[in-house]
């Protein structure tokens, strides 16, 4: 099962995993795609899946609760986040969905654009592919689905990354460092001997 957990808009790039799943199934891999979210591209994606002949292997959940989304992430074999820059130049920052999936220990395949590589380290906490590169996306998904041990290592690395760098404790520690650094920088420097003498005269 491949999960795409986001709203159905252009910047999320859902059309590309549909093409990738068609390639995987043509190669004999029984891949199933779950699109967990809703949006204005829903009808277009349904039509695309039908045209590719994979409509029976795709599930559209519509909007889901936070609790169900976490459950879907936990149950998925891989979470795909194939973000793409739109023709109007819209793009991701650092999306929250991969962070949630990584915290749950799910293997993540994402595109290497915007702030995504700051979160997902290729080969350690997930796999990164170029945007709109369907063969590369299909290859990364195949690797996770077909190689359990490497997939488990990626899942472990993903969880470790979030715990070390994006947990509440880590964020609070960084905030404290920034605040203490700002306070220290704002303090006036202590007067030296020459300045003290001048002040006395």
N, C-alpha and C. Protein backbone atom coordinates (compact mmCIF):
# COMPACT_ATOMS: atom_id res chain seq x y z
N UNK A 1 0.83 -1.19 0.00
CA UNK A 1 0.00 0.00 0.00
C UNK A 1 0.87 1.25 0.00
N UNK A 2 0.59 2.16 -0.92
CA UNK A 2 1.27 3.44 -1.02
C UNK A 2 0.26 4.51 -0.60
N UNK A 3 0.61 5.32 0.37
CA UNK A 3 -0.29 6.36 0.87
C UNK A 3 0.22 7.74 0.45
N UNK A 4 -0.68 8.54 -0.12
CA UNK A 4 -0.41 9.96 -0.38
C UNK A 4 -1.35 10.75 0.53
N UNK A 5 -0.83 11.33 1.62
CA UNK A 5 -1.71 11.92 2.63
C UNK A 5 -1.81 13.44 2.55
N UNK A 6 -2.46 13.96 1.53
CA UNK A 6 -2.54 15.41 1.41
C UNK A 6 -3.73 15.82 0.56
N UNK A 7 -4.04 17.12 0.62
CA UNK A 7 -5.13 17.65 -0.19
C UNK A 7 -4.81 17.50 -1.67
N UNK A 8 -5.84 17.34 -2.47
CA UNK A 8 -5.67 17.04 -3.90
C UNK A 8 -5.54 18.34 -4.68
N UNK A 9 -4.35 18.92 -4.62
CA UNK A 9 -4.05 20.15 -5.34
C UNK A 9 -2.76 19.96 -6.14
N UNK A 10 -2.51 20.86 -7.07
CA UNK A 10 -1.38 20.71 -7.97
C UNK A 10 -0.04 20.62 -7.29
N UNK A 11 0.17 21.41 -6.23
CA UNK A 11 1.47 21.44 -5.58
C UNK A 11 1.83 20.10 -4.93
N UNK A 12 0.83 19.28 -4.65
CA UNK A 12 1.07 17.98 -4.01
C UNK A 12 1.48 16.89 -5.00
N UNK A 13 1.27 17.13 -6.29
CA UNK A 13 1.81 16.22 -7.31
C UNK A 13 1.21 14.83 -7.37
N UNK A 14 -0.09 14.68 -7.07
CA UNK A 14 -0.68 13.34 -7.02
C UNK A 14 -0.69 12.62 -8.36
N UNK A 15 -0.66 13.36 -9.45
CA UNK A 15 -0.72 12.69 -10.76
C UNK A 15 0.49 11.77 -10.98
N UNK A 16 1.61 12.08 -10.36
CA UNK A 16 2.83 11.31 -10.61
C UNK A 16 2.83 9.94 -9.93
N UNK A 17 2.36 9.78 -8.69
CA UNK A 17 2.26 8.42 -8.16
C UNK A 17 1.24 7.56 -8.90
N UNK A 18 0.22 8.17 -9.51
CA UNK A 18 -0.69 7.38 -10.33
C UNK A 18 0.07 6.75 -11.50
N UNK A 19 0.87 7.56 -12.18
CA UNK A 19 1.68 7.04 -13.28
C UNK A 19 2.68 6.00 -12.78
N UNK A 20 3.26 6.25 -11.60
CA UNK A 20 4.24 5.32 -11.05
C UNK A 20 3.60 3.98 -10.69
N UNK A 21 2.40 4.03 -10.11
CA UNK A 21 1.70 2.78 -9.77
C UNK A 21 1.37 1.99 -11.03
N UNK A 22 1.00 2.69 -12.09
CA UNK A 22 0.74 1.99 -13.36
C UNK A 22 1.99 1.26 -13.83
N UNK A 23 3.17 1.88 -13.69
CA UNK A 23 4.43 1.23 -14.07
C UNK A 23 4.70 0.02 -13.18
N UNK A 24 4.49 0.18 -11.88
CA UNK A 24 4.76 -0.92 -10.94
C UNK A 24 3.85 -2.12 -11.22
N UNK A 25 2.59 -1.84 -11.47
CA UNK A 25 1.66 -2.93 -11.74
C UNK A 25 1.95 -3.60 -13.08
N UNK A 26 2.41 -2.81 -14.05
CA UNK A 26 2.80 -3.39 -15.33
C UNK A 26 4.00 -4.33 -15.18
N UNK A 27 4.84 -4.05 -14.14
CA UNK A 27 6.00 -4.90 -13.86
C UNK A 27 5.66 -6.06 -12.95
N UNK A 28 4.39 -6.20 -12.60
CA UNK A 28 3.97 -7.34 -11.80
C UNK A 28 3.89 -7.12 -10.31
N UNK A 29 4.13 -5.88 -9.85
CA UNK A 29 4.04 -5.60 -8.43
C UNK A 29 2.61 -5.20 -8.09
N UNK A 30 2.03 -5.85 -7.10
CA UNK A 30 0.63 -5.62 -6.76
C UNK A 30 0.50 -4.38 -5.87
N UNK A 31 0.81 -3.22 -6.44
CA UNK A 31 0.79 -1.97 -5.69
C UNK A 31 -0.62 -1.40 -5.64
N UNK A 32 -0.96 -0.83 -4.49
CA UNK A 32 -2.25 -0.20 -4.28
C UNK A 32 -2.03 1.20 -3.75
N UNK A 33 -2.76 2.18 -4.28
CA UNK A 33 -2.56 3.58 -3.94
C UNK A 33 -3.75 4.11 -3.16
N UNK A 34 -3.49 4.78 -2.05
CA UNK A 34 -4.53 5.42 -1.25
C UNK A 34 -4.26 6.92 -1.24
N UNK A 35 -5.22 7.70 -1.73
CA UNK A 35 -5.13 9.16 -1.69
C UNK A 35 -6.02 9.63 -0.54
N UNK A 36 -5.38 10.06 0.55
CA UNK A 36 -6.12 10.44 1.75
C UNK A 36 -6.22 11.96 1.82
N UNK A 37 -7.31 12.47 1.31
CA UNK A 37 -7.53 13.91 1.28
C UNK A 37 -8.56 14.23 0.20
N UNK A 38 -8.86 15.50 0.07
CA UNK A 38 -9.82 15.93 -0.94
C UNK A 38 -9.34 17.23 -1.54
N UNK A 39 -9.92 17.60 -2.67
CA UNK A 39 -9.50 18.84 -3.31
C UNK A 39 -10.06 18.95 -4.71
N UNK A 40 -9.72 20.05 -5.38
CA UNK A 40 -10.35 20.33 -6.67
C UNK A 40 -9.87 19.42 -7.79
N UNK A 41 -8.80 18.65 -7.58
CA UNK A 41 -8.31 17.75 -8.62
C UNK A 41 -8.88 16.34 -8.52
N UNK A 42 -9.80 16.13 -7.62
CA UNK A 42 -10.33 14.77 -7.40
C UNK A 42 -10.84 14.15 -8.70
N UNK A 43 -11.71 14.84 -9.44
CA UNK A 43 -12.29 14.26 -10.66
C UNK A 43 -11.22 13.98 -11.70
N UNK A 44 -10.25 14.88 -11.81
CA UNK A 44 -9.17 14.69 -12.78
C UNK A 44 -8.33 13.46 -12.44
N UNK A 45 -8.09 13.23 -11.17
CA UNK A 45 -7.30 12.07 -10.75
C UNK A 45 -8.08 10.78 -10.97
N UNK A 46 -9.39 10.81 -10.74
CA UNK A 46 -10.22 9.63 -11.02
C UNK A 46 -10.17 9.30 -12.50
N UNK A 47 -10.27 10.33 -13.35
CA UNK A 47 -10.22 10.12 -14.79
C UNK A 47 -8.85 9.60 -15.22
N UNK A 48 -7.80 10.11 -14.60
CA UNK A 48 -6.45 9.64 -14.93
C UNK A 48 -6.28 8.17 -14.56
N UNK A 49 -6.74 7.80 -13.37
CA UNK A 49 -6.63 6.41 -12.92
C UNK A 49 -7.40 5.48 -13.85
N UNK A 50 -8.57 5.94 -14.28
CA UNK A 50 -9.37 5.12 -15.20
C UNK A 50 -8.64 4.96 -16.53
N UNK A 51 -8.05 6.03 -17.01
CA UNK A 51 -7.32 5.96 -18.27
C UNK A 51 -6.10 5.06 -18.19
N UNK A 52 -5.47 5.01 -17.02
CA UNK A 52 -4.30 4.15 -16.83
C UNK A 52 -4.69 2.70 -16.53
N UNK A 53 -5.97 2.48 -16.27
CA UNK A 53 -6.43 1.13 -15.93
C UNK A 53 -6.11 0.71 -14.52
N UNK A 54 -5.91 1.69 -13.62
CA UNK A 54 -5.58 1.35 -12.23
C UNK A 54 -6.66 1.83 -11.26
N UNK A 55 -7.84 2.18 -11.79
CA UNK A 55 -8.88 2.70 -10.89
C UNK A 55 -9.28 1.66 -9.84
N UNK A 56 -9.14 0.38 -10.16
CA UNK A 56 -9.46 -0.66 -9.17
C UNK A 56 -8.39 -0.80 -8.11
N UNK A 57 -7.21 -0.17 -8.33
CA UNK A 57 -6.11 -0.25 -7.37
C UNK A 57 -5.90 1.06 -6.64
N UNK A 58 -6.87 1.99 -6.78
CA UNK A 58 -6.75 3.28 -6.13
C UNK A 58 -7.96 3.53 -5.23
N UNK A 59 -7.71 4.06 -4.04
CA UNK A 59 -8.78 4.43 -3.13
C UNK A 59 -8.69 5.92 -2.82
N UNK A 60 -9.81 6.61 -2.95
CA UNK A 60 -9.91 8.01 -2.57
C UNK A 60 -10.73 8.09 -1.29
N UNK A 61 -10.11 8.51 -0.21
CA UNK A 61 -10.81 8.49 1.07
C UNK A 61 -11.66 9.73 1.29
N UNK A 62 -11.37 10.82 0.57
CA UNK A 62 -11.97 12.10 0.92
C UNK A 62 -11.30 12.63 2.18
N UNK A 63 -11.88 13.68 2.76
CA UNK A 63 -11.29 14.24 3.97
C UNK A 63 -11.35 13.23 5.11
N UNK A 64 -10.28 13.16 5.87
CA UNK A 64 -10.23 12.22 6.99
C UNK A 64 -9.84 12.97 8.26
N UNK A 65 -10.20 12.41 9.39
CA UNK A 65 -9.84 13.00 10.68
C UNK A 65 -8.34 12.82 10.92
N UNK A 66 -7.82 13.60 11.84
CA UNK A 66 -6.41 13.49 12.20
C UNK A 66 -6.08 12.08 12.69
N UNK A 67 -6.97 11.53 13.49
CA UNK A 67 -6.74 10.19 14.04
C UNK A 67 -6.69 9.15 12.93
N UNK A 68 -7.62 9.24 11.96
CA UNK A 68 -7.61 8.25 10.88
C UNK A 68 -6.38 8.42 9.99
N UNK A 69 -5.95 9.67 9.78
CA UNK A 69 -4.76 9.90 8.97
C UNK A 69 -3.54 9.23 9.61
N UNK A 70 -3.40 9.38 10.91
CA UNK A 70 -2.28 8.73 11.60
C UNK A 70 -2.37 7.22 11.47
N UNK A 71 -3.58 6.69 11.53
CA UNK A 71 -3.76 5.25 11.39
C UNK A 71 -3.38 4.79 9.97
N UNK A 72 -3.79 5.55 8.97
CA UNK A 72 -3.44 5.21 7.59
C UNK A 72 -1.93 5.25 7.39
N UNK A 73 -1.27 6.24 7.99
CA UNK A 73 0.19 6.32 7.88
C UNK A 73 0.86 5.11 8.53
N UNK A 74 0.33 4.72 9.67
CA UNK A 74 0.90 3.58 10.39
C UNK A 74 0.73 2.28 9.61
N UNK A 75 -0.36 2.17 8.87
CA UNK A 75 -0.67 0.93 8.16
C UNK A 75 -0.03 0.85 6.78
N UNK A 76 0.38 2.00 6.23
CA UNK A 76 0.92 2.01 4.87
C UNK A 76 2.31 1.38 4.82
N UNK A 77 2.63 0.77 3.69
CA UNK A 77 3.98 0.23 3.49
C UNK A 77 4.96 1.34 3.15
N UNK A 78 4.47 2.40 2.51
CA UNK A 78 5.30 3.56 2.19
C UNK A 78 4.40 4.78 2.05
N UNK A 79 4.90 5.92 2.50
CA UNK A 79 4.18 7.18 2.35
C UNK A 79 4.87 7.99 1.26
N UNK A 80 4.14 8.34 0.22
CA UNK A 80 4.69 9.07 -0.91
C UNK A 80 4.25 10.53 -0.86
N UNK A 81 5.21 11.44 -1.04
CA UNK A 81 4.92 12.87 -1.04
C UNK A 81 5.60 13.49 -2.27
N UNK A 82 4.94 13.34 -3.42
CA UNK A 82 5.56 13.70 -4.71
C UNK A 82 5.34 15.16 -5.09
N UNK A 83 5.61 16.07 -4.18
CA UNK A 83 5.36 17.50 -4.40
C UNK A 83 6.01 18.00 -5.69
N UNK A 84 5.36 18.99 -6.31
CA UNK A 84 5.88 19.54 -7.56
C UNK A 84 5.58 21.04 -7.61
N UNK A 85 6.47 21.78 -8.23
CA UNK A 85 6.25 23.21 -8.43
C UNK A 85 5.19 23.39 -9.51
N UNK A 86 4.19 24.21 -9.24
CA UNK A 86 3.12 24.41 -10.22
C UNK A 86 3.56 25.40 -11.29
N UNK A 87 2.76 25.51 -12.34
CA UNK A 87 3.08 26.44 -13.43
C UNK A 87 3.05 27.89 -12.94
N UNK A 88 2.36 28.14 -11.84
CA UNK A 88 2.31 29.49 -11.26
C UNK A 88 3.41 29.71 -10.23
N UNK A 89 4.31 28.72 -10.10
CA UNK A 89 5.44 28.86 -9.19
C UNK A 89 5.15 28.51 -7.75
N UNK A 90 3.98 27.94 -7.47
CA UNK A 90 3.66 27.52 -6.10
C UNK A 90 4.46 26.27 -5.76
N UNK A 91 4.97 26.23 -4.53
CA UNK A 91 5.74 25.06 -4.10
C UNK A 91 5.63 24.87 -2.59
N UNK A 92 6.08 23.70 -2.15
CA UNK A 92 6.03 23.38 -0.72
C UNK A 92 7.07 24.21 0.05
N UNK A 93 6.86 24.32 1.35
CA UNK A 93 7.90 24.75 2.26
C UNK A 93 8.52 23.47 2.83
N UNK A 94 8.34 23.26 4.12
CA UNK A 94 8.63 21.95 4.71
C UNK A 94 7.29 21.37 5.12
N UNK A 95 6.73 20.46 4.33
CA UNK A 95 5.38 19.96 4.62
C UNK A 95 5.33 19.17 5.93
N UNK A 96 4.18 19.23 6.57
CA UNK A 96 4.00 18.57 7.86
C UNK A 96 3.76 17.07 7.70
N UNK A 97 3.12 16.68 6.60
CA UNK A 97 2.76 15.26 6.42
C UNK A 97 3.94 14.31 6.52
N UNK A 98 5.07 14.58 5.83
CA UNK A 98 6.19 13.64 5.96
C UNK A 98 6.74 13.59 7.38
N UNK A 99 6.68 14.72 8.10
CA UNK A 99 7.17 14.73 9.47
C UNK A 99 6.33 13.79 10.34
N UNK A 100 5.01 13.83 10.15
CA UNK A 100 4.12 12.94 10.91
C UNK A 100 4.40 11.48 10.56
N UNK A 101 4.53 11.21 9.25
CA UNK A 101 4.79 9.83 8.82
C UNK A 101 6.11 9.32 9.38
N UNK A 102 7.14 10.17 9.35
CA UNK A 102 8.45 9.77 9.87
C UNK A 102 8.40 9.52 11.36
N UNK A 103 7.64 10.34 12.09
CA UNK A 103 7.51 10.14 13.53
C UNK A 103 6.86 8.80 13.85
N UNK A 104 6.00 8.33 12.95
CA UNK A 104 5.34 7.05 13.14
C UNK A 104 6.19 5.88 12.64
N UNK A 105 7.37 6.18 12.09
CA UNK A 105 8.25 5.13 11.60
C UNK A 105 7.86 4.57 10.26
N UNK A 106 7.23 5.40 9.42
CA UNK A 106 6.84 4.95 8.08
C UNK A 106 7.92 5.33 7.07
N UNK A 107 8.29 4.44 6.16
CA UNK A 107 9.23 4.81 5.10
C UNK A 107 8.62 5.90 4.22
N UNK A 108 9.41 6.88 3.87
CA UNK A 108 8.93 8.03 3.10
C UNK A 108 9.69 8.15 1.79
N UNK A 109 8.94 8.38 0.71
CA UNK A 109 9.53 8.72 -0.59
C UNK A 109 9.00 10.10 -0.95
N UNK A 110 9.90 11.05 -1.21
CA UNK A 110 9.47 12.42 -1.46
C UNK A 110 10.32 13.03 -2.56
N UNK A 111 9.86 14.16 -3.09
CA UNK A 111 10.63 14.86 -4.11
C UNK A 111 11.57 15.86 -3.45
N UNK A 112 12.73 16.02 -4.07
CA UNK A 112 13.80 16.86 -3.51
C UNK A 112 13.62 18.31 -3.94
N UNK A 113 12.59 18.96 -3.41
CA UNK A 113 12.36 20.37 -3.74
C UNK A 113 12.13 21.16 -2.47
N UNK A 114 12.31 22.47 -2.56
CA UNK A 114 12.04 23.40 -1.46
C UNK A 114 12.74 22.93 -0.18
N UNK A 115 11.98 22.89 0.92
CA UNK A 115 12.58 22.53 2.20
C UNK A 115 12.54 21.05 2.51
N UNK A 116 12.06 20.23 1.58
CA UNK A 116 11.93 18.79 1.86
C UNK A 116 13.27 18.14 2.21
N UNK A 117 14.38 18.43 1.47
CA UNK A 117 15.65 17.80 1.84
C UNK A 117 16.17 18.20 3.22
N UNK A 118 15.65 19.29 3.80
CA UNK A 118 16.01 19.64 5.17
C UNK A 118 15.41 18.65 6.16
N UNK A 119 14.34 17.99 5.76
CA UNK A 119 13.67 17.03 6.62
C UNK A 119 14.05 15.60 6.29
N UNK A 120 14.06 15.27 5.01
CA UNK A 120 14.32 13.90 4.56
C UNK A 120 15.73 13.81 3.99
N UNK A 121 16.59 13.03 4.65
CA UNK A 121 17.94 12.81 4.17
C UNK A 121 17.94 11.55 3.30
N UNK A 122 18.26 11.71 2.03
CA UNK A 122 18.17 10.61 1.08
C UNK A 122 19.02 9.43 1.51
N UNK A 123 18.39 8.26 1.57
CA UNK A 123 19.10 7.04 1.92
C UNK A 123 19.23 6.78 3.41
N UNK A 124 18.89 7.79 4.24
CA UNK A 124 18.99 7.61 5.68
C UNK A 124 17.62 7.66 6.36
N UNK A 125 16.86 8.72 6.08
CA UNK A 125 15.55 8.84 6.71
C UNK A 125 14.42 8.80 5.68
N UNK A 126 14.75 8.45 4.45
CA UNK A 126 13.77 8.35 3.37
C UNK A 126 14.49 8.32 2.04
N UNK A 127 13.72 8.35 0.98
CA UNK A 127 14.29 8.40 -0.37
C UNK A 127 13.79 9.65 -1.07
N UNK A 128 14.69 10.35 -1.75
CA UNK A 128 14.34 11.55 -2.49
C UNK A 128 14.49 11.32 -3.98
N UNK A 129 13.57 11.86 -4.75
CA UNK A 129 13.61 11.75 -6.21
C UNK A 129 13.37 13.13 -6.81
N UNK A 130 13.79 13.35 -8.05
CA UNK A 130 13.51 14.64 -8.69
C UNK A 130 12.00 14.81 -8.92
N UNK A 131 11.55 16.04 -8.88
CA UNK A 131 10.12 16.27 -9.11
C UNK A 131 9.74 15.90 -10.53
N UNK A 132 8.53 15.38 -10.68
CA UNK A 132 7.94 14.98 -11.96
C UNK A 132 8.68 13.83 -12.65
N UNK A 133 9.59 13.17 -11.98
CA UNK A 133 10.35 12.06 -12.58
C UNK A 133 9.65 10.75 -12.21
N UNK A 134 8.73 10.33 -13.07
CA UNK A 134 7.91 9.15 -12.76
C UNK A 134 8.75 7.87 -12.66
N UNK A 135 9.69 7.61 -13.60
CA UNK A 135 10.51 6.39 -13.46
C UNK A 135 11.31 6.37 -12.15
N UNK A 136 11.86 7.54 -11.74
CA UNK A 136 12.61 7.58 -10.48
C UNK A 136 11.68 7.35 -9.30
N UNK A 137 10.49 7.92 -9.35
CA UNK A 137 9.51 7.71 -8.28
C UNK A 137 9.11 6.24 -8.20
N UNK A 138 8.83 5.64 -9.35
CA UNK A 138 8.46 4.23 -9.37
C UNK A 138 9.59 3.37 -8.83
N UNK A 139 10.84 3.71 -9.20
CA UNK A 139 11.99 2.95 -8.72
C UNK A 139 12.15 3.03 -7.21
N UNK A 140 11.96 4.23 -6.64
CA UNK A 140 12.09 4.39 -5.19
C UNK A 140 10.97 3.64 -4.46
N UNK A 141 9.76 3.72 -5.00
CA UNK A 141 8.64 3.00 -4.39
C UNK A 141 8.87 1.49 -4.47
N UNK A 142 9.36 1.02 -5.61
CA UNK A 142 9.64 -0.41 -5.77
C UNK A 142 10.69 -0.86 -4.75
N UNK A 143 11.71 -0.04 -4.54
CA UNK A 143 12.77 -0.39 -3.60
C UNK A 143 12.21 -0.57 -2.20
N UNK A 144 11.36 0.35 -1.76
CA UNK A 144 10.79 0.24 -0.42
C UNK A 144 9.85 -0.96 -0.31
N UNK A 145 9.03 -1.16 -1.33
CA UNK A 145 8.03 -2.23 -1.28
C UNK A 145 8.65 -3.61 -1.43
N UNK A 146 9.79 -3.70 -2.12
CA UNK A 146 10.37 -5.01 -2.44
C UNK A 146 11.53 -5.41 -1.55
N UNK A 147 12.07 -4.46 -0.76
CA UNK A 147 13.25 -4.76 0.05
C UNK A 147 12.96 -4.44 1.51
N UNK A 148 12.44 -5.40 2.26
CA UNK A 148 11.99 -5.14 3.65
C UNK A 148 13.07 -4.60 4.58
N UNK A 149 14.29 -5.13 4.51
CA UNK A 149 15.32 -4.70 5.45
C UNK A 149 15.75 -3.25 5.20
N UNK A 150 16.07 -2.86 3.95
CA UNK A 150 16.37 -1.44 3.72
C UNK A 150 15.20 -0.53 4.09
N UNK A 151 13.98 -0.99 3.83
CA UNK A 151 12.81 -0.19 4.18
C UNK A 151 12.72 0.01 5.69
N UNK A 152 13.02 -1.05 6.44
CA UNK A 152 12.99 -0.95 7.91
C UNK A 152 14.06 0.00 8.41
N UNK A 153 15.25 0.02 7.76
CA UNK A 153 16.31 0.94 8.16
C UNK A 153 15.89 2.39 7.88
N UNK A 154 15.24 2.61 6.76
CA UNK A 154 14.76 3.96 6.44
C UNK A 154 13.72 4.41 7.46
N UNK A 155 12.83 3.49 7.83
CA UNK A 155 11.80 3.83 8.82
C UNK A 155 12.43 4.19 10.16
N UNK A 156 13.44 3.42 10.57
CA UNK A 156 14.12 3.71 11.82
C UNK A 156 14.85 5.04 11.76
N UNK A 157 15.50 5.31 10.64
CA UNK A 157 16.20 6.58 10.48
C UNK A 157 15.24 7.75 10.47
N UNK A 158 14.06 7.55 9.89
CA UNK A 158 13.05 8.60 9.84
C UNK A 158 12.59 8.97 11.25
N UNK A 159 12.29 7.98 12.03
CA UNK A 159 11.82 8.24 13.40
C UNK A 159 12.91 8.90 14.23
N UNK A 160 14.15 8.43 14.08
CA UNK A 160 15.27 9.01 14.83
C UNK A 160 15.48 10.48 14.46
N UNK A 161 15.33 10.81 13.17
CA UNK A 161 15.50 12.19 12.72
C UNK A 161 14.47 13.11 13.36
N UNK A 162 13.22 12.70 13.35
CA UNK A 162 12.17 13.53 13.93
C UNK A 162 12.37 13.68 15.44
N UNK A 163 12.73 12.60 16.11
CA UNK A 163 12.93 12.68 17.56
C UNK A 163 14.09 13.61 17.91
N UNK A 164 15.16 13.58 17.10
CA UNK A 164 16.35 14.36 17.40
C UNK A 164 16.22 15.82 17.00
N UNK A 165 15.48 16.09 15.92
CA UNK A 165 15.50 17.43 15.35
C UNK A 165 14.15 18.15 15.35
N UNK A 166 13.06 17.41 15.46
CA UNK A 166 11.75 18.05 15.30
C UNK A 166 10.77 17.72 16.42
N UNK A 167 11.25 17.10 17.48
CA UNK A 167 10.36 16.81 18.61
C UNK A 167 10.11 18.09 19.39
N UNK A 168 9.13 18.06 20.28
CA UNK A 168 8.83 19.21 21.12
C UNK A 168 10.04 19.57 21.98
N UNK A 169 10.70 18.55 22.53
CA UNK A 169 11.86 18.80 23.39
C UNK A 169 12.98 19.47 22.61
N UNK A 170 13.24 18.97 21.39
CA UNK A 170 14.31 19.55 20.57
C UNK A 170 13.98 20.98 20.17
N UNK A 171 12.73 21.22 19.81
CA UNK A 171 12.31 22.57 19.41
C UNK A 171 12.42 23.55 20.58
N UNK A 172 12.02 23.11 21.78
CA UNK A 172 12.11 23.97 22.96
C UNK A 172 13.56 24.28 23.30
N UNK A 173 14.44 23.29 23.14
CA UNK A 173 15.86 23.51 23.43
C UNK A 173 16.45 24.54 22.47
N UNK A 174 16.10 24.44 21.18
CA UNK A 174 16.61 25.41 20.21
C UNK A 174 16.05 26.80 20.49
N UNK A 175 14.76 26.88 20.86
CA UNK A 175 14.16 28.17 21.18
C UNK A 175 14.86 28.80 22.39
N UNK A 176 15.18 27.98 23.39
CA UNK A 176 15.86 28.50 24.57
C UNK A 176 17.24 29.03 24.20
N UNK A 177 17.95 28.31 23.33
CA UNK A 177 19.27 28.77 22.90
C UNK A 177 19.17 30.11 22.18
N UNK A 178 18.18 30.24 21.32
CA UNK A 178 18.00 31.49 20.58
C UNK A 178 17.67 32.64 21.51
N UNK A 179 16.79 32.38 22.48
CA UNK A 179 16.39 33.42 23.41
C UNK A 179 17.56 33.84 24.28
N UNK A 180 18.32 32.87 24.79
CA UNK A 180 19.47 33.19 25.63
C UNK A 180 20.53 33.94 24.84
N UNK A 181 20.71 33.53 23.58
CA UNK A 181 21.67 34.23 22.73
C UNK A 181 21.26 35.65 22.47
N UNK A 182 19.95 35.89 22.30
CA UNK A 182 19.45 37.24 22.06
C UNK A 182 19.61 38.12 23.28
N UNK A 183 19.37 37.54 24.46
CA UNK A 183 19.51 38.31 25.70
C UNK A 183 20.97 38.70 25.91
N UNK A 184 21.87 37.74 25.65
CA UNK A 184 23.30 38.00 25.83
C UNK A 184 23.77 39.10 24.87
N UNK A 185 23.27 39.06 23.65
CA UNK A 185 23.69 40.05 22.65
C UNK A 185 23.15 41.44 22.99
N UNK A 186 22.02 41.48 23.69
CA UNK A 186 21.41 42.77 24.01
C UNK A 186 22.03 43.43 25.24
N UNK A 187 22.79 42.66 26.05
CA UNK A 187 23.41 43.24 27.24
C UNK A 187 24.54 44.18 26.84
N UNK A 188 24.67 45.37 27.48
CA UNK A 188 25.79 46.26 27.17
C UNK A 188 27.09 45.65 27.63
N UNK A 189 28.15 45.87 26.87
CA UNK A 189 29.46 45.35 27.26
C UNK A 189 29.92 46.03 28.53
N UNK A 190 30.64 45.30 29.38
CA UNK A 190 31.16 45.87 30.63
C UNK A 190 32.18 46.95 30.32
N UNK A 191 32.16 48.04 31.07
CA UNK A 191 33.09 49.14 30.83
C UNK A 191 34.51 48.73 31.16
N UNK A 192 35.47 49.09 30.30
CA UNK A 192 36.87 48.80 30.54
C UNK A 192 37.47 49.83 31.46
N UNK A 193 38.73 49.62 31.88
CA UNK A 193 39.38 50.55 32.82
C UNK A 193 39.43 51.99 32.32
N UNK A 194 39.73 52.19 31.02
CA UNK A 194 39.82 53.56 30.49
C UNK A 194 38.48 54.23 30.55
N UNK A 195 37.41 53.48 30.22
CA UNK A 195 36.08 54.06 30.25
C UNK A 195 35.67 54.40 31.66
N UNK A 196 36.06 53.56 32.63
CA UNK A 196 35.71 53.82 34.02
C UNK A 196 36.38 55.08 34.52
N UNK A 197 37.68 55.29 34.12
CA UNK A 197 38.40 56.48 34.53
C UNK A 197 37.79 57.73 33.95
N UNK A 198 37.37 57.64 32.70
CA UNK A 198 36.76 58.80 32.05
C UNK A 198 35.46 59.15 32.73
N UNK A 199 34.72 58.10 33.10
CA UNK A 199 33.44 58.35 33.75
C UNK A 199 33.66 59.02 35.11
N UNK A 200 34.76 58.63 35.82
CA UNK A 200 35.03 59.19 37.15
C UNK A 200 35.43 60.65 37.06
N UNK A 201 36.17 61.04 36.00
CA UNK A 201 36.59 62.43 35.87
C UNK A 201 35.44 63.32 35.44
